[in-house]
Protein backbone atom coordinates (compact mmCIF):
# COMPACT_ATOMS: atom_id res chain seq x y z
CA UNK A 1 88.80 134.22 226.91
CA UNK A 2 89.35 135.55 223.34
CA UNK A 3 91.72 132.66 222.59
CA UNK A 4 89.11 130.18 223.84
CA UNK A 5 86.39 131.71 221.66
CA UNK A 6 88.66 131.64 218.60
CA UNK A 7 89.45 127.97 219.24
CA UNK A 8 85.76 127.04 219.42
CA UNK A 9 85.05 128.98 216.25
CA UNK A 10 87.83 127.21 214.38
CA UNK A 11 86.69 123.78 215.53
CA UNK A 12 83.09 124.39 214.49
CA UNK A 13 83.98 125.98 211.18
CA UNK A 14 86.59 123.55 209.88
CA UNK A 15 86.91 119.86 209.08
CA UNK A 16 87.19 117.14 211.72
CA UNK A 17 90.23 117.51 213.97
CA UNK A 18 91.64 115.45 216.82
CA UNK A 19 88.74 114.84 219.18
CA UNK A 20 88.66 117.33 222.03
CA UNK A 21 85.88 118.89 224.13
CA UNK A 22 84.35 122.02 222.59
CA UNK A 23 83.29 123.66 225.85
CA UNK A 24 84.34 123.94 229.50
CA UNK A 25 82.93 121.35 231.94
CA UNK A 26 79.32 121.72 233.02
CA UNK A 27 77.82 120.53 236.29
CA UNK A 28 79.72 117.54 237.76
CA UNK A 29 78.21 114.06 237.87
CA UNK A 30 78.39 114.08 241.67
CA UNK A 31 75.79 116.89 241.80
CA UNK A 32 73.01 114.62 240.52
CA UNK A 33 71.13 111.66 241.99
CA UNK A 34 71.78 108.23 240.53
CA UNK A 35 69.00 106.73 238.40
CA UNK A 36 66.77 104.08 239.96
CA UNK A 37 67.45 101.51 237.23
CA UNK A 38 70.20 99.25 235.96
CA UNK A 39 72.75 100.76 233.58
CA UNK A 40 73.66 98.57 230.61
CA UNK A 41 77.28 98.05 229.62
CA UNK A 42 78.61 99.53 226.36
CA UNK A 43 78.97 96.41 224.24
CA UNK A 44 79.35 97.65 220.64
CA UNK A 45 79.36 100.89 218.62
CA UNK A 46 76.30 99.72 216.65
CA UNK A 47 73.42 97.35 217.31
CA UNK A 48 72.87 96.05 213.77
CA UNK A 49 74.58 96.16 210.38
CA UNK A 50 74.29 99.39 208.42
CA UNK A 51 72.78 97.54 205.46
CA UNK A 52 70.02 96.17 207.71
CA UNK A 53 69.40 99.57 209.21
CA UNK A 54 69.17 101.17 205.77
CA UNK A 55 66.81 98.45 204.58
CA UNK A 56 64.56 99.16 207.57
CA UNK A 57 64.61 102.88 206.72
CA UNK A 58 65.87 103.75 210.20
CA UNK A 59 67.76 106.95 209.42
CA UNK A 60 65.05 108.40 207.17
CA UNK A 61 62.37 107.70 209.79
CA UNK A 62 64.39 109.36 212.54
CA UNK A 63 65.42 112.34 210.41
CA UNK A 64 61.78 112.94 209.42
CA UNK A 65 60.56 112.51 212.97
CA UNK A 66 63.16 114.99 214.18
CA UNK A 67 62.50 117.44 211.34
CA UNK A 68 66.21 117.74 210.58
CA UNK A 69 66.72 120.34 207.84
CA UNK A 70 69.57 121.79 205.75
CA UNK A 71 71.64 124.39 207.55
CA UNK A 72 71.07 122.99 211.04
CA UNK A 73 73.66 121.96 213.58
CA UNK A 74 72.98 118.43 214.77
CA UNK A 75 74.81 116.66 217.60
CA UNK A 76 75.01 112.87 217.56
CA UNK A 77 75.55 112.04 221.24
CA UNK A 78 77.28 108.67 221.48
CA UNK A 79 78.03 108.65 217.75
CA UNK A 80 79.69 105.23 217.94
CA UNK A 81 80.48 103.83 214.48
CA UNK A 82 79.28 106.98 212.69
CA UNK A 83 76.19 105.50 211.03
CA UNK A 84 74.11 108.62 211.67
CA UNK A 85 77.03 111.02 211.25
CA UNK A 86 77.72 110.05 207.64
CA UNK A 87 74.03 110.34 206.76
CA UNK A 88 73.45 113.57 208.65
CA UNK A 89 76.35 115.27 206.85
CA UNK A 90 74.66 115.46 203.42
CA UNK A 91 71.25 116.08 204.98
CA UNK A 92 72.31 119.29 206.78
CA UNK A 93 74.48 120.25 203.81
CA UNK A 94 77.45 122.62 203.58
CA UNK A 95 75.61 125.28 205.57
CA UNK A 96 74.99 122.88 208.47
CA UNK A 97 77.18 121.15 211.04
CA UNK A 98 77.34 117.67 212.52
CA UNK A 99 78.96 117.25 215.94
CA UNK A 100 79.94 113.59 216.36
CA UNK A 101 80.31 113.20 220.13
CA UNK A 102 81.46 110.12 222.02
CA UNK A 103 83.40 109.19 225.15
CA UNK A 104 85.07 105.92 224.08
CA UNK A 105 88.60 106.46 222.72
CA UNK A 106 88.42 103.60 220.19
CA UNK A 107 85.14 104.92 218.78
CA UNK A 108 86.52 108.45 218.54
CA UNK A 109 89.60 107.25 216.66
CA UNK A 110 87.43 105.29 214.23
CA UNK A 111 85.11 108.25 213.75
CA UNK A 112 87.99 110.56 212.90
CA UNK A 113 89.09 108.20 210.14
CA UNK A 114 85.59 107.70 208.81
CA UNK A 115 84.64 111.37 208.53
CA UNK A 116 87.79 112.54 206.76
CA UNK A 117 86.62 114.54 203.79
CA UNK A 118 83.32 115.51 205.42
CA UNK A 119 84.03 119.18 205.98
CA UNK A 120 80.87 119.83 207.97
CA UNK A 121 81.63 117.20 210.64
CA UNK A 122 83.54 117.76 213.89
CA UNK A 123 84.41 114.85 216.18
CA UNK A 124 83.98 115.77 219.85
CA UNK A 125 85.31 114.07 222.97
CA UNK A 126 82.73 114.36 225.71
CA UNK A 127 82.29 112.94 229.19
CA UNK A 128 79.79 110.32 230.28
CA UNK A 129 77.68 112.95 232.05
CA UNK A 130 78.52 115.97 229.86
CA UNK A 131 78.75 116.21 226.04
CA UNK A 132 81.02 119.28 226.39
CA UNK A 133 79.35 121.20 223.56
CA UNK A 134 79.33 125.02 223.22
CA UNK A 135 76.40 126.90 224.73
CA UNK A 136 73.43 127.58 222.44
CA UNK A 137 75.10 125.90 219.46
CA UNK A 138 72.84 122.93 218.64
CA UNK A 139 69.48 122.81 216.84
CA UNK A 140 68.89 119.08 217.30
CA UNK A 141 70.57 116.29 219.24
CA UNK A 142 70.10 112.56 218.81
CA UNK A 143 70.91 109.74 221.23
CA UNK A 144 70.59 106.43 219.39
CA UNK A 145 70.43 103.10 221.21
CA UNK A 146 72.60 104.35 224.04
CA UNK A 147 70.34 106.05 226.59
CA UNK A 148 70.20 102.82 228.62
CA UNK A 149 74.02 102.94 228.86
CA UNK A 150 74.14 106.39 230.49
CA UNK A 151 75.18 106.02 234.11
CA UNK A 152 74.25 109.63 234.96
CA UNK A 153 71.32 110.56 232.70
CA UNK A 154 70.26 113.56 234.77
CA UNK A 155 73.72 115.09 234.49
CA UNK A 156 73.92 114.45 230.76
CA UNK A 157 70.49 115.94 230.11
CA UNK A 158 71.20 118.95 232.33
CA UNK A 159 74.49 119.72 230.58
CA UNK A 160 73.08 118.98 227.12
CA UNK A 161 70.30 121.54 227.66
CA UNK A 162 72.84 124.37 227.87
CA UNK A 163 74.12 123.44 224.39
CA UNK A 164 70.67 123.61 222.77
CA UNK A 165 69.46 126.68 220.92
CA UNK A 166 65.99 128.08 221.73
CA UNK A 167 63.47 125.60 220.32
CA UNK A 168 66.12 122.88 220.20
CA UNK A 169 64.86 119.32 220.18
CA UNK A 170 66.34 116.10 221.48
CA UNK A 171 65.49 112.74 219.92
CA UNK A 172 66.09 109.47 221.73
CA UNK A 173 66.00 106.18 219.82
CA UNK A 174 65.84 103.06 221.97
CA UNK A 175 64.27 99.65 222.23
CA UNK A 176 61.04 99.24 224.17
CA UNK A 177 62.61 96.94 226.73
CA UNK A 178 64.25 97.02 230.14
CA UNK A 179 67.80 98.45 230.49
CA UNK A 180 69.44 95.09 231.20
CA UNK A 181 68.22 94.00 227.76
CA UNK A 182 69.54 97.21 226.18
CA UNK A 183 66.36 99.25 226.06
CA UNK A 184 64.41 101.87 227.99
CA UNK A 185 60.67 101.54 228.70
CA UNK A 186 58.97 104.66 227.26
CA UNK A 187 57.27 105.46 230.59
CA UNK A 188 60.63 105.45 232.39
CA UNK A 189 62.22 107.55 229.66
CA UNK A 190 59.43 110.13 229.85
CA UNK A 191 59.76 110.33 233.62
CA UNK A 192 63.53 110.85 233.55
CA UNK A 193 63.35 113.48 230.81
CA UNK A 194 60.56 115.31 232.64
CA UNK A 195 62.61 115.22 235.86
CA UNK A 196 65.37 117.04 233.95
CA UNK A 197 62.94 119.67 232.63
CA UNK A 198 62.34 118.30 229.12
CA UNK A 199 58.90 118.27 227.45
CA UNK A 200 57.83 115.49 225.11
CA UNK A 201 56.71 116.73 221.69
CA UNK A 202 56.52 113.53 219.65
CA UNK A 203 56.65 109.73 219.78
CA UNK A 204 57.23 107.54 216.73
CA UNK A 205 57.30 103.72 216.74
CA UNK A 206 60.11 102.31 214.61
CA UNK A 207 60.64 98.88 213.12
CA UNK A 208 62.06 96.08 215.25
CA UNK A 209 60.45 97.12 218.53
CA UNK A 210 62.27 100.45 218.74
CA UNK A 211 60.92 103.98 219.04
CA UNK A 212 61.90 107.62 218.58
CA UNK A 213 60.86 109.95 221.39
CA UNK A 214 61.30 113.68 220.74
CA UNK A 215 61.62 116.28 223.49
CA UNK A 216 61.95 120.04 223.71
CA UNK A 217 64.99 120.98 225.77
CA UNK A 218 64.48 123.43 228.63
CA UNK A 219 66.12 126.82 228.51
CA UNK A 220 69.24 126.79 230.71
CA UNK A 221 67.57 129.04 233.27
CA UNK A 222 64.56 126.71 233.42
CA UNK A 223 66.50 123.55 234.22
CA UNK A 224 65.74 121.99 237.62
CA UNK A 225 68.53 122.41 240.13
CA UNK A 226 70.58 119.19 240.34
CA UNK A 227 69.72 118.72 244.01
CA UNK A 228 66.00 119.10 243.27
CA UNK A 229 65.88 116.22 240.75
CA UNK A 230 64.19 113.06 241.99
CA UNK A 231 64.97 109.70 240.33
CA UNK A 232 62.12 107.86 238.63
CA UNK A 233 61.16 104.44 239.91
CA UNK A 234 62.02 101.62 237.53
CA UNK A 235 58.93 99.44 237.88
CA UNK A 236 59.47 97.58 234.58
CA UNK A 237 62.71 95.90 235.66
CA UNK A 238 61.15 94.93 239.00
CA UNK A 239 58.45 93.01 237.15
């Protein structure tokens, strides 16, 4: 146990290392119901060029909407190409941490190369239903243009909640569209987050038909039991 704690401390305190999970497994994917919606394929680590995203002010809008401040620990779930990671690093500063989590080996390898020299960034290998982050370690988590690709959203949200500190917030950026067109209708998103025990605290339209939805994560003891979660009906795709 002591060795495990020392390993986690070293990973969180030092520069990016070879991507490994930072915590033991949470609840298994098999414990949760499947979502009542299509799941989009992972097609690319980013949806638009970084220059276009900067021109649209995407990062600044999301960082403001999330209230991300110096000294915080922020987890980028599905960090992909590292667009947010490299911008979060100076925003949280030397007293903060950025956990760049992904599940795709090629993305993780690219992230490790990109964040060399960013001493407040740690690259994390998670699982599709479990980010594998230490308990009560994260102030804010972002999931950018990838929620529609999560095959087991209830498992991911359940396991992510245990990593959030009290008052921790989760921001989801997605397109206002159906999952097969790489988006999530806001009504469906709200229903799935509520089913996992999350409470919406903010909603911000973004340029290009996207949005940022912000939620308060439930305390671990307040999470619904996996077997009690009921999938939300995807009426948008049916239309």
